[in-house]
Structures are given as C-alpha cells and as structure tokens.
N, C-alpha and C. Protein backbone atom coordinates (compact mmCIF):
# COMPACT_ATOMS: atom_id res chain seq x y z
N MET A 1 -27.57 -21.59 20.60
CA MET A 1 -26.63 -20.89 21.20
C MET A 1 -26.13 -19.72 20.35
N THR A 2 -25.56 -18.77 20.99
CA THR A 2 -25.26 -17.50 20.39
C THR A 2 -23.83 -17.13 20.87
N CYS A 3 -23.30 -16.16 19.92
CA CYS A 3 -22.19 -15.53 20.37
C CYS A 3 -22.29 -14.14 20.39
N PRO A 4 -21.90 -13.52 21.56
CA PRO A 4 -22.29 -11.94 21.75
C PRO A 4 -21.45 -11.21 20.71
N LEU A 5 -22.05 -10.04 20.26
CA LEU A 5 -21.39 -9.25 19.38
C LEU A 5 -20.30 -8.46 20.27
N SER A 6 -19.22 -7.91 19.78
CA SER A 6 -18.07 -7.37 20.69
C SER A 6 -18.82 -6.08 21.53
N GLN A 7 -19.12 -6.21 22.70
CA GLN A 7 -19.36 -5.04 23.52
C GLN A 7 -20.32 -4.10 22.66
N PHE A 8 -21.60 -4.68 22.19
CA PHE A 8 -22.56 -3.87 21.35
C PHE A 8 -23.31 -2.97 22.32
N SER A 9 -23.11 -1.62 22.10
CA SER A 9 -23.70 -0.75 22.90
C SER A 9 -25.20 -0.28 22.65
N LEU A 10 -26.04 -0.63 23.57
CA LEU A 10 -27.38 -0.37 23.45
C LEU A 10 -27.70 1.03 23.80
N GLU A 11 -26.76 1.84 24.41
CA GLU A 11 -26.93 3.15 24.59
C GLU A 11 -27.05 4.08 23.41
N VAL A 12 -26.69 3.67 22.27
CA VAL A 12 -26.80 4.32 21.10
C VAL A 12 -28.29 4.11 20.59
N GLY A 13 -28.87 2.99 20.86
CA GLY A 13 -30.08 2.77 20.40
C GLY A 13 -29.98 1.98 18.95
N ILE A 14 -31.08 1.27 18.87
CA ILE A 14 -31.07 0.50 17.51
C ILE A 14 -31.95 1.07 16.66
N PRO A 15 -31.65 1.61 15.33
CA PRO A 15 -32.54 2.31 14.64
C PRO A 15 -33.72 1.32 14.00
N GLU A 16 -34.78 1.79 13.99
CA GLU A 16 -35.89 1.00 13.33
C GLU A 16 -35.58 0.81 11.83
N GLY A 17 -36.48 -0.05 11.20
CA GLY A 17 -36.40 -0.20 9.79
C GLY A 17 -35.69 -1.25 9.33
N THR A 18 -35.53 -2.46 10.27
CA THR A 18 -34.79 -3.74 9.91
C THR A 18 -35.51 -4.25 8.74
N GLY A 19 -36.91 -4.10 8.38
CA GLY A 19 -37.39 -4.50 7.30
C GLY A 19 -37.00 -3.98 6.03
N VAL A 20 -36.60 -2.74 5.98
CA VAL A 20 -36.05 -1.85 4.84
C VAL A 20 -34.64 -2.48 4.72
N ASP A 21 -34.00 -2.54 5.70
CA ASP A 21 -32.61 -3.23 5.52
C ASP A 21 -32.59 -4.52 5.08
N LEU A 22 -33.62 -5.40 5.42
CA LEU A 22 -33.60 -6.78 5.07
C LEU A 22 -34.03 -6.85 3.56
N ARG A 23 -34.90 -6.05 3.13
CA ARG A 23 -35.46 -6.09 1.82
C ARG A 23 -34.23 -5.67 0.78
N ALA A 24 -33.42 -4.69 1.31
CA ALA A 24 -32.22 -4.36 0.54
C ALA A 24 -31.20 -5.47 0.39
N ALA A 25 -31.02 -6.14 1.57
CA ALA A 25 -30.16 -7.10 1.55
C ALA A 25 -30.60 -8.46 0.73
N VAL A 26 -31.81 -8.71 0.79
CA VAL A 26 -32.40 -9.73 -0.12
C VAL A 26 -32.30 -9.46 -1.60
N ARG A 27 -32.45 -8.26 -2.02
CA ARG A 27 -32.42 -7.70 -3.27
C ARG A 27 -31.02 -8.11 -3.86
N ARG A 28 -30.07 -8.00 -2.99
CA ARG A 28 -28.57 -8.37 -3.61
C ARG A 28 -28.56 -9.77 -3.78
N LEU A 29 -29.33 -10.62 -3.21
CA LEU A 29 -29.35 -12.08 -3.64
C LEU A 29 -29.89 -12.40 -5.01
N LYS A 30 -30.72 -11.50 -5.49
CA LYS A 30 -31.41 -11.82 -6.86
C LYS A 30 -30.49 -11.88 -7.83
N ALA A 31 -29.25 -11.21 -7.84
CA ALA A 31 -28.23 -11.33 -8.79
C ALA A 31 -27.23 -12.59 -8.87
N ARG A 32 -27.33 -13.09 -7.59
CA ARG A 32 -26.32 -14.01 -7.21
C ARG A 32 -26.97 -15.61 -7.38
N ASN A 33 -26.06 -16.29 -7.77
CA ASN A 33 -26.60 -17.77 -7.85
C ASN A 33 -25.61 -18.66 -6.93
N THR A 34 -25.85 -18.62 -5.61
CA THR A 34 -24.79 -19.14 -4.62
C THR A 34 -25.44 -20.69 -4.19
N ALA A 35 -24.39 -21.33 -3.84
CA ALA A 35 -24.70 -22.64 -3.19
C ALA A 35 -25.24 -22.31 -1.68
N PRO A 36 -26.17 -23.40 -1.40
CA PRO A 36 -26.69 -23.24 0.00
C PRO A 36 -25.76 -23.67 0.94
N GLY A 37 -25.92 -23.05 2.19
CA GLY A 37 -25.04 -23.34 3.45
C GLY A 37 -25.54 -24.71 4.05
N SER A 38 -25.19 -25.02 5.04
CA SER A 38 -25.58 -26.20 5.98
C SER A 38 -27.13 -26.19 6.22
N ASP A 39 -27.92 -25.24 5.96
CA ASP A 39 -29.38 -25.24 6.22
C ASP A 39 -30.05 -25.77 4.93
N GLY A 40 -29.30 -25.74 3.72
CA GLY A 40 -29.83 -26.09 2.61
C GLY A 40 -30.66 -25.18 1.66
N LEU A 41 -30.76 -23.98 2.38
CA LEU A 41 -31.59 -22.81 1.59
C LEU A 41 -30.68 -21.92 1.00
N PRO A 42 -30.75 -22.02 -0.44
CA PRO A 42 -30.00 -21.13 -1.40
C PRO A 42 -30.68 -19.60 -1.30
N GLY A 43 -29.85 -18.75 -1.75
CA GLY A 43 -30.41 -17.39 -1.61
C GLY A 43 -31.62 -17.10 -2.37
N LYS A 44 -31.66 -17.82 -3.46
CA LYS A 44 -32.88 -17.69 -4.25
C LYS A 44 -34.18 -17.96 -3.68
N ALA A 45 -34.22 -18.89 -2.57
CA ALA A 45 -35.12 -19.35 -1.82
C ALA A 45 -35.66 -18.14 -0.81
N TRP A 46 -34.69 -17.28 -0.42
CA TRP A 46 -35.02 -16.25 0.39
C TRP A 46 -35.73 -15.12 -0.46
N VAL A 47 -35.28 -14.92 -1.63
CA VAL A 47 -35.83 -13.94 -2.63
C VAL A 47 -37.52 -14.29 -2.68
N LEU A 48 -37.52 -15.63 -3.02
CA LEU A 48 -39.03 -15.96 -3.34
C LEU A 48 -39.94 -16.00 -2.22
N ALA A 49 -39.15 -16.29 -0.87
CA ALA A 49 -39.89 -16.47 0.27
C ALA A 49 -40.06 -15.01 1.18
N LEU A 50 -39.57 -14.04 0.66
CA LEU A 50 -39.36 -12.76 1.51
C LEU A 50 -40.90 -12.36 1.95
N GLU A 51 -41.84 -12.29 0.98
CA GLU A 51 -43.05 -11.79 1.29
C GLU A 51 -43.64 -12.57 2.47
N ALA A 52 -43.57 -13.99 2.38
CA ALA A 52 -44.22 -14.69 3.47
C ALA A 52 -43.46 -14.89 4.78
N LEU A 53 -42.10 -14.85 4.55
CA LEU A 53 -41.31 -15.03 5.78
C LEU A 53 -40.62 -13.80 6.17
N GLY A 54 -40.64 -12.75 5.45
CA GLY A 54 -40.09 -11.43 5.76
C GLY A 54 -40.33 -11.03 7.21
N PRO A 55 -41.69 -10.87 7.61
CA PRO A 55 -41.77 -10.49 8.98
C PRO A 55 -41.29 -11.30 10.17
N ARG A 56 -41.22 -12.65 9.86
CA ARG A 56 -40.56 -13.39 10.86
C ARG A 56 -38.94 -13.31 10.96
N LEU A 57 -38.45 -13.10 9.71
CA LEU A 57 -37.02 -12.87 9.72
C LEU A 57 -36.63 -11.52 10.22
N GLU A 58 -37.56 -10.60 9.94
CA GLU A 58 -37.20 -9.26 10.45
C GLU A 58 -37.28 -9.32 11.86
N GLY A 59 -38.09 -9.94 12.60
CA GLY A 59 -38.33 -10.20 13.99
C GLY A 59 -37.07 -10.68 14.64
N LEU A 60 -36.55 -11.62 14.13
CA LEU A 60 -35.48 -12.40 14.48
C LEU A 60 -34.12 -11.71 14.20
N LEU A 61 -34.05 -10.85 13.20
CA LEU A 61 -32.87 -9.84 12.99
C LEU A 61 -32.86 -8.67 14.08
N SER A 62 -34.07 -8.27 14.33
CA SER A 62 -34.30 -7.25 15.39
C SER A 62 -33.86 -7.76 16.85
N ALA A 63 -34.19 -8.93 17.07
CA ALA A 63 -33.98 -9.51 18.31
C ALA A 63 -32.53 -9.69 18.49
N CYS A 64 -31.91 -10.27 17.43
CA CYS A 64 -30.31 -10.28 17.45
C CYS A 64 -29.84 -8.94 17.72
N LEU A 65 -30.26 -7.97 17.15
CA LEU A 65 -29.63 -6.67 17.25
C LEU A 65 -29.73 -6.12 18.64
N GLU A 66 -31.10 -6.15 19.10
CA GLU A 66 -31.27 -5.73 20.55
C GLU A 66 -30.57 -6.43 21.61
N ARG A 67 -30.41 -7.85 21.43
CA ARG A 67 -29.58 -8.59 22.24
C ARG A 67 -28.08 -8.54 22.10
N GLY A 68 -27.64 -7.91 20.89
CA GLY A 68 -26.30 -8.08 20.62
C GLY A 68 -25.82 -9.23 20.34
N GLN A 69 -26.58 -10.24 19.83
CA GLN A 69 -26.12 -11.68 19.78
C GLN A 69 -26.12 -12.13 18.25
N PHE A 70 -25.16 -12.79 17.82
CA PHE A 70 -25.08 -13.34 16.49
C PHE A 70 -25.27 -14.93 16.57
N PRO A 71 -26.26 -15.59 16.26
CA PRO A 71 -26.32 -17.11 16.53
C PRO A 71 -25.22 -17.84 15.90
N LEU A 72 -24.64 -18.73 16.81
CA LEU A 72 -23.57 -19.57 16.20
C LEU A 72 -23.91 -20.50 15.04
N ARG A 73 -25.30 -20.83 14.96
CA ARG A 73 -25.56 -21.59 13.81
C ARG A 73 -25.37 -20.99 12.46
N TRP A 74 -25.38 -19.61 12.37
CA TRP A 74 -25.10 -18.96 11.24
C TRP A 74 -23.75 -18.88 10.97
N LYS A 75 -22.81 -19.22 12.01
CA LYS A 75 -21.27 -19.13 11.66
C LYS A 75 -20.90 -20.47 11.38
N THR A 76 -21.65 -21.51 11.46
CA THR A 76 -21.26 -22.84 11.25
C THR A 76 -21.51 -23.15 9.65
N GLY A 77 -20.43 -23.57 9.16
CA GLY A 77 -20.45 -23.68 7.67
C GLY A 77 -20.23 -25.08 7.23
N LYS A 78 -20.56 -25.49 6.05
CA LYS A 78 -20.26 -26.58 5.30
C LYS A 78 -19.10 -26.53 4.47
N LEU A 79 -18.02 -27.50 4.51
CA LEU A 79 -16.86 -27.30 3.88
C LEU A 79 -16.80 -28.13 2.72
N VAL A 80 -16.59 -27.53 1.45
CA VAL A 80 -16.57 -28.04 0.20
C VAL A 80 -15.22 -27.93 -0.37
N LEU A 81 -14.86 -29.04 -1.01
CA LEU A 81 -13.56 -28.94 -1.80
C LEU A 81 -13.90 -28.93 -3.21
N ILE A 82 -13.41 -27.91 -3.86
CA ILE A 82 -13.45 -27.63 -5.27
C ILE A 82 -12.21 -27.83 -5.94
N ARG A 83 -12.10 -28.87 -6.95
CA ARG A 83 -10.96 -28.99 -7.63
C ARG A 83 -10.47 -28.04 -8.68
N LYS A 84 -9.29 -27.69 -8.51
CA LYS A 84 -8.68 -26.53 -9.38
C LYS A 84 -8.43 -27.22 -10.80
N PRO A 85 -8.83 -26.63 -11.98
CA PRO A 85 -8.63 -27.19 -13.16
C PRO A 85 -7.19 -27.41 -13.49
N GLY A 86 -6.85 -28.51 -14.04
CA GLY A 86 -5.47 -28.94 -14.58
C GLY A 86 -4.66 -29.41 -13.45
N ARG A 87 -5.22 -29.81 -12.42
CA ARG A 87 -4.37 -30.29 -11.23
C ARG A 87 -4.78 -31.81 -11.06
N PRO A 88 -3.67 -32.63 -10.75
CA PRO A 88 -3.96 -34.16 -10.54
C PRO A 88 -4.95 -34.30 -9.37
N ALA A 89 -5.84 -35.06 -9.38
CA ALA A 89 -6.78 -35.48 -8.46
C ALA A 89 -6.33 -35.89 -7.11
N ASP A 90 -5.18 -36.59 -7.01
CA ASP A 90 -4.51 -37.15 -5.97
C ASP A 90 -3.67 -36.16 -5.10
N SER A 91 -3.65 -34.94 -5.51
CA SER A 91 -2.76 -33.95 -4.87
C SER A 91 -3.68 -33.01 -3.99
N PRO A 92 -3.26 -32.87 -2.59
CA PRO A 92 -4.06 -32.05 -1.83
C PRO A 92 -4.19 -30.56 -2.43
N SER A 93 -3.11 -30.10 -2.99
CA SER A 93 -3.08 -28.83 -3.51
C SER A 93 -3.93 -28.60 -4.62
N ALA A 94 -4.65 -29.65 -5.38
CA ALA A 94 -5.39 -29.54 -6.34
C ALA A 94 -6.81 -29.03 -5.94
N TYR A 95 -7.04 -28.83 -4.66
CA TYR A 95 -8.48 -28.53 -4.13
C TYR A 95 -8.43 -27.11 -3.51
N ARG A 96 -9.47 -26.38 -3.73
CA ARG A 96 -9.65 -25.32 -2.94
C ARG A 96 -10.75 -25.22 -2.06
N PRO A 97 -10.59 -25.06 -0.71
CA PRO A 97 -11.69 -25.26 0.23
C PRO A 97 -12.52 -24.03 0.26
N VAL A 98 -13.76 -24.24 0.22
CA VAL A 98 -14.82 -23.26 0.35
C VAL A 98 -15.87 -23.72 1.58
N VAL A 99 -15.89 -22.73 2.25
CA VAL A 99 -17.07 -22.98 3.41
C VAL A 99 -18.32 -22.20 3.03
N LEU A 100 -19.37 -23.09 2.90
CA LEU A 100 -20.76 -22.47 2.58
C LEU A 100 -21.45 -22.02 4.07
N LEU A 101 -21.80 -20.73 4.08
CA LEU A 101 -22.58 -20.36 5.26
C LEU A 101 -24.01 -20.21 4.94
N ASP A 102 -24.67 -20.27 5.94
CA ASP A 102 -26.19 -20.01 5.80
C ASP A 102 -26.66 -18.71 5.27
N GLU A 103 -27.56 -18.38 4.32
CA GLU A 103 -27.82 -17.12 3.82
C GLU A 103 -28.45 -16.20 4.86
N ALA A 104 -29.13 -16.70 6.00
CA ALA A 104 -29.91 -15.87 6.89
C ALA A 104 -28.70 -15.16 7.73
N GLY A 105 -27.54 -15.77 8.03
CA GLY A 105 -26.46 -15.12 8.66
C GLY A 105 -25.83 -14.18 7.88
N LYS A 106 -25.77 -14.48 6.51
CA LYS A 106 -25.31 -13.28 5.46
C LYS A 106 -26.23 -12.21 5.44
N LEU A 107 -27.41 -12.42 5.41
CA LEU A 107 -28.38 -11.33 5.38
C LEU A 107 -28.14 -10.37 6.62
N PHE A 108 -27.88 -11.10 7.79
CA PHE A 108 -27.74 -10.19 9.04
C PHE A 108 -26.57 -9.60 8.99
N GLU A 109 -25.48 -10.18 8.36
CA GLU A 109 -24.28 -9.45 8.12
C GLU A 109 -24.27 -8.17 7.27
N ARG A 110 -25.10 -8.29 6.27
CA ARG A 110 -25.40 -7.20 5.23
C ARG A 110 -26.02 -6.12 5.90
N VAL A 111 -27.10 -6.38 6.78
CA VAL A 111 -27.98 -5.43 7.57
C VAL A 111 -26.96 -4.60 8.35
N ILE A 112 -26.18 -5.22 9.32
CA ILE A 112 -25.20 -4.62 10.05
C ILE A 112 -24.08 -3.89 9.22
N ALA A 113 -23.73 -4.35 8.06
CA ALA A 113 -22.52 -3.53 7.45
C ALA A 113 -23.14 -2.40 6.84
N ASN A 114 -24.43 -2.37 6.21
CA ASN A 114 -25.06 -1.22 5.76
C ASN A 114 -25.30 -0.24 6.73
N ARG A 115 -25.73 -0.66 7.89
CA ARG A 115 -25.95 0.38 8.99
C ARG A 115 -24.64 1.08 9.49
N LEU A 116 -23.68 0.34 9.32
CA LEU A 116 -22.37 0.75 9.81
C LEU A 116 -21.97 1.80 8.75
N ALA A 117 -21.94 1.56 7.55
CA ALA A 117 -21.60 2.39 6.42
C ALA A 117 -22.57 3.57 6.44
N GLU A 118 -23.83 3.53 6.73
CA GLU A 118 -24.64 4.61 6.69
C GLU A 118 -24.35 5.49 8.04
N HIS A 119 -23.98 4.94 9.06
CA HIS A 119 -23.62 5.88 10.33
C HIS A 119 -22.35 6.33 10.05
N LEU A 120 -21.42 5.81 9.53
CA LEU A 120 -20.01 6.41 9.24
C LEU A 120 -20.21 7.56 8.28
N ALA A 121 -21.10 7.45 7.12
CA ALA A 121 -21.22 8.49 6.22
C ALA A 121 -22.00 9.51 6.74
N GLY A 122 -23.03 9.34 7.68
CA GLY A 122 -23.87 10.43 8.17
C GLY A 122 -23.44 11.02 9.44
N THR A 123 -23.06 10.21 10.29
CA THR A 123 -22.64 10.66 11.62
C THR A 123 -21.17 10.88 11.67
N GLY A 124 -20.52 10.00 11.12
CA GLY A 124 -19.02 10.03 11.16
C GLY A 124 -18.45 9.30 12.21
N PRO A 125 -17.00 9.16 12.33
CA PRO A 125 -16.14 9.68 11.28
C PRO A 125 -16.42 8.94 10.11
N ASP A 126 -16.40 9.67 9.05
CA ASP A 126 -16.52 8.94 7.58
C ASP A 126 -15.22 8.20 7.16
N HIS A 127 -15.30 7.36 6.19
CA HIS A 127 -14.09 6.74 5.81
C HIS A 127 -13.09 7.65 5.39
N ALA A 128 -11.89 7.42 5.23
CA ALA A 128 -10.95 8.38 4.69
C ALA A 128 -11.12 8.44 3.03
N GLU A 129 -10.76 9.45 2.48
CA GLU A 129 -10.94 9.60 1.15
C GLU A 129 -10.14 8.26 0.32
N HIS A 130 -9.11 7.87 0.82
CA HIS A 130 -8.40 6.82 0.02
C HIS A 130 -8.98 5.42 0.50
N GLN A 131 -9.94 5.31 1.24
CA GLN A 131 -10.67 4.09 1.62
C GLN A 131 -11.42 3.62 0.41
N PHE A 132 -11.02 2.40 -0.16
CA PHE A 132 -11.98 1.91 -1.38
C PHE A 132 -12.67 0.73 -0.74
N GLY A 133 -12.18 -0.08 0.15
CA GLY A 133 -13.18 -1.40 0.62
C GLY A 133 -14.34 -0.85 1.49
N PHE A 134 -15.28 -1.63 1.34
CA PHE A 134 -16.55 -1.35 2.17
C PHE A 134 -17.12 -0.10 1.93
N ARG A 135 -16.97 0.38 0.70
CA ARG A 135 -17.70 1.76 0.39
C ARG A 135 -18.53 1.42 -0.95
N LYS A 136 -19.63 2.12 -0.94
CA LYS A 136 -20.55 2.10 -1.95
C LYS A 136 -19.92 2.81 -3.23
N ARG A 137 -20.05 2.21 -4.25
CA ARG A 137 -19.52 2.79 -5.56
C ARG A 137 -17.94 2.99 -5.46
N ARG A 138 -17.41 2.10 -4.83
CA ARG A 138 -15.95 2.08 -4.89
C ARG A 138 -15.41 0.63 -4.90
N SER A 139 -14.53 0.41 -5.89
CA SER A 139 -13.96 -0.89 -6.08
C SER A 139 -12.57 -1.14 -6.11
N THR A 140 -12.09 -2.38 -6.30
CA THR A 140 -10.61 -2.49 -6.37
C THR A 140 -10.28 -1.89 -7.61
N VAL A 141 -11.11 -1.78 -8.86
CA VAL A 141 -10.77 -1.16 -10.01
C VAL A 141 -10.44 0.16 -9.89
N ASP A 142 -11.24 0.91 -8.99
CA ASP A 142 -11.08 2.32 -8.60
C ASP A 142 -9.75 2.47 -8.04
N ALA A 143 -9.43 1.58 -7.23
CA ALA A 143 -8.25 1.75 -6.36
C ALA A 143 -7.01 1.46 -7.19
N ILE A 144 -6.97 0.57 -8.16
CA ILE A 144 -5.95 0.51 -9.25
C ILE A 144 -5.60 1.60 -10.15
N MET A 145 -6.89 2.22 -10.54
CA MET A 145 -6.90 3.46 -11.43
C MET A 145 -6.26 4.54 -10.58
N ARG A 146 -6.55 4.59 -9.25
CA ARG A 146 -5.95 5.89 -8.62
C ARG A 146 -4.46 5.53 -8.56
N VAL A 147 -3.93 4.31 -8.28
CA VAL A 147 -2.54 4.09 -8.22
C VAL A 147 -1.83 4.31 -9.48
N ARG A 148 -2.51 3.99 -10.56
CA ARG A 148 -2.01 4.16 -11.93
C ARG A 148 -1.91 5.47 -12.21
N ALA A 149 -2.74 6.40 -11.84
CA ALA A 149 -2.72 7.73 -12.09
C ALA A 149 -1.73 8.35 -11.34
N LEU A 150 -1.49 7.88 -10.16
CA LEU A 150 -0.34 8.41 -9.42
C LEU A 150 1.05 7.95 -9.96
N THR A 151 1.10 6.81 -10.36
CA THR A 151 2.48 6.38 -10.84
C THR A 151 2.71 6.93 -12.23
N THR A 152 1.78 7.11 -13.11
CA THR A 152 1.86 7.55 -14.48
C THR A 152 2.42 9.25 -14.36
N GLY A 153 1.85 9.93 -13.50
CA GLY A 153 2.18 11.30 -13.43
C GLY A 153 3.58 11.46 -12.80
N ASN A 154 3.85 10.51 -11.71
CA ASN A 154 5.13 10.72 -10.99
C ASN A 154 6.33 9.99 -11.87
N ALA A 155 5.93 9.03 -12.61
CA ALA A 155 7.12 8.45 -13.36
C ALA A 155 7.51 9.35 -14.60
N VAL A 156 6.60 10.14 -15.16
CA VAL A 156 6.94 10.99 -16.32
C VAL A 156 7.63 12.25 -15.55
N ALA A 157 7.24 12.65 -14.40
CA ALA A 157 7.74 13.78 -13.88
C ALA A 157 9.31 13.53 -13.32
N GLY A 158 9.41 12.20 -13.07
CA GLY A 158 10.68 11.84 -12.41
C GLY A 158 11.69 11.28 -13.68
N GLY A 159 11.47 11.53 -14.71
CA GLY A 159 12.46 11.35 -15.80
C GLY A 159 12.09 9.99 -16.69
N GLY A 160 10.64 9.47 -16.47
CA GLY A 160 10.32 8.46 -17.24
C GLY A 160 10.92 7.10 -17.08
N GLY A 161 11.61 6.48 -18.00
CA GLY A 161 12.11 5.16 -17.76
C GLY A 161 13.44 5.04 -17.07
N CYS A 162 14.17 6.27 -16.79
CA CYS A 162 15.45 6.00 -16.36
C CYS A 162 15.55 5.62 -14.84
N PHE A 163 16.66 4.77 -14.38
CA PHE A 163 16.60 4.40 -13.13
C PHE A 163 16.33 5.42 -12.07
N GLY A 164 16.94 6.55 -12.30
CA GLY A 164 16.87 7.59 -11.07
C GLY A 164 15.25 7.98 -11.05
N GLY A 165 14.60 8.05 -12.09
CA GLY A 165 13.21 8.44 -12.07
C GLY A 165 12.31 7.43 -11.34
N VAL A 166 12.87 6.19 -11.63
CA VAL A 166 11.98 5.00 -10.95
C VAL A 166 12.17 5.07 -9.67
N SER A 167 13.35 5.48 -8.98
CA SER A 167 13.85 5.43 -7.69
C SER A 167 12.98 6.36 -6.97
N ARG A 168 12.97 7.72 -7.58
CA ARG A 168 12.40 8.82 -7.03
C ARG A 168 10.67 8.40 -6.93
N HIS A 169 10.40 7.74 -7.94
CA HIS A 169 8.85 7.41 -8.15
C HIS A 169 8.56 6.49 -7.05
N ARG A 170 9.51 5.64 -6.81
CA ARG A 170 9.27 4.64 -5.72
C ARG A 170 9.21 5.25 -4.26
N GLN A 171 9.91 6.15 -4.16
CA GLN A 171 10.18 6.93 -2.88
C GLN A 171 8.82 7.65 -2.76
N ARG A 172 8.41 8.44 -3.68
CA ARG A 172 7.00 9.19 -3.71
C ARG A 172 5.91 8.21 -3.21
N LEU A 173 5.75 6.97 -3.95
CA LEU A 173 4.66 6.09 -3.72
C LEU A 173 4.69 5.61 -2.25
N GLN A 174 6.01 5.46 -1.69
CA GLN A 174 6.22 4.99 -0.23
C GLN A 174 5.72 6.04 0.79
N LEU A 175 6.01 7.29 0.24
CA LEU A 175 5.73 8.39 1.12
C LEU A 175 4.05 8.45 1.12
N HIS A 176 3.38 8.35 -0.15
CA HIS A 176 2.09 8.38 -0.26
C HIS A 176 1.35 7.30 0.39
N ALA A 177 1.82 6.24 0.43
CA ALA A 177 1.38 5.05 1.33
C ALA A 177 1.40 5.19 2.81
N LEU A 178 2.35 5.91 3.22
CA LEU A 178 2.66 6.39 4.68
C LEU A 178 1.38 7.26 5.02
N GLU A 179 1.14 8.38 4.10
CA GLU A 179 0.06 9.29 4.29
C GLU A 179 -1.34 8.54 4.53
N LEU A 180 -1.53 7.49 3.84
CA LEU A 180 -2.84 6.69 3.77
C LEU A 180 -2.97 6.10 5.04
N HIS A 181 -1.94 5.78 5.90
CA HIS A 181 -2.26 5.03 7.06
C HIS A 181 -2.26 5.99 8.38
C-alpha cells in the first residue's frame, strides 16, 4: 500500500541521479548509530550493503518518485518507551515515547529533502536569509548567535540595563521578528 505525495507534479520532470542522491543519504548514516525500525535493519546495514543492494534500492526510490508515492510501510513505526533518568518507574511521565522508522523511508526522505534544497537554491525561490532550518551549513547555534548579536547591539544602544532600554530593545526585537515573517 502507498500514500500519494501531495499533488506531485510530473510536468517538472524527475531529475536523474537517484544513485548519487542515495549514496549521499547513506553516507550520512555512517556517522549515526540508530536503532532499527520495524524492519529490523539498522542504518549501518544499509551502509555495508549499499554496493550490493544500491541498484535495487535506487530503482525502488526512482519508481516512488515517478509515481509520486511514498510506501505506507515506511511510515509505520515501532513505538519504544525510554525511561527518563531519575523518574519513578510507575509514573507515565517517566517515559519518553520514541517511534523507530525504517531506514529505507528515511533515505527516501533525505533524497527528496536534498532535491528540494538544491532546487530552491538553484532555481528559486531561495530560502530567506534569516531561514536557518533545513539549510546546509546553518544550525540552531547560528540562529542563536544571530539573535545574540542583534540583542547585544540593541541593548547597549538602548541604554544597557535600564528598564527603558530593555523596553525599546524588546520593541525592536518584535519588529525584527515581524520582518522575518
């Protein structure tokens, strides 16, 4: 069974090179040590088996792209409860639910995400300058550093630690936040 991708347009065409996209996605698995999904295959298995299974997986991903379908099997996960440290075992809030998904579906998602990012960067519209999520070489730390730089300069210009300066500083941040949207 499959679920259709939301009105995937075949008029644009599907770029060739799924193999290159797949290898890049599998390379990211090398650095991770993740638990396997419901299929029981950890990411390391895909890394080791890429040479032998790569062409078959590439054909499967290409077919999914051409048909605009995402197999439901890849969206079915295995729920695991992980106990939070220092919490009593008999308390429901002592557990963090984690859903383990199949690595094949994650690989397909990475291929699609990389293609979307490349398309936006090359063809456009590109991400806004203030966009930090889903961008290469941008992280949460970069976003925090940007906010810190904005707040440090504005707080000093607004009178440092006095309440009037903080109020003006808060207004400037709110205006800046509106500009980002």
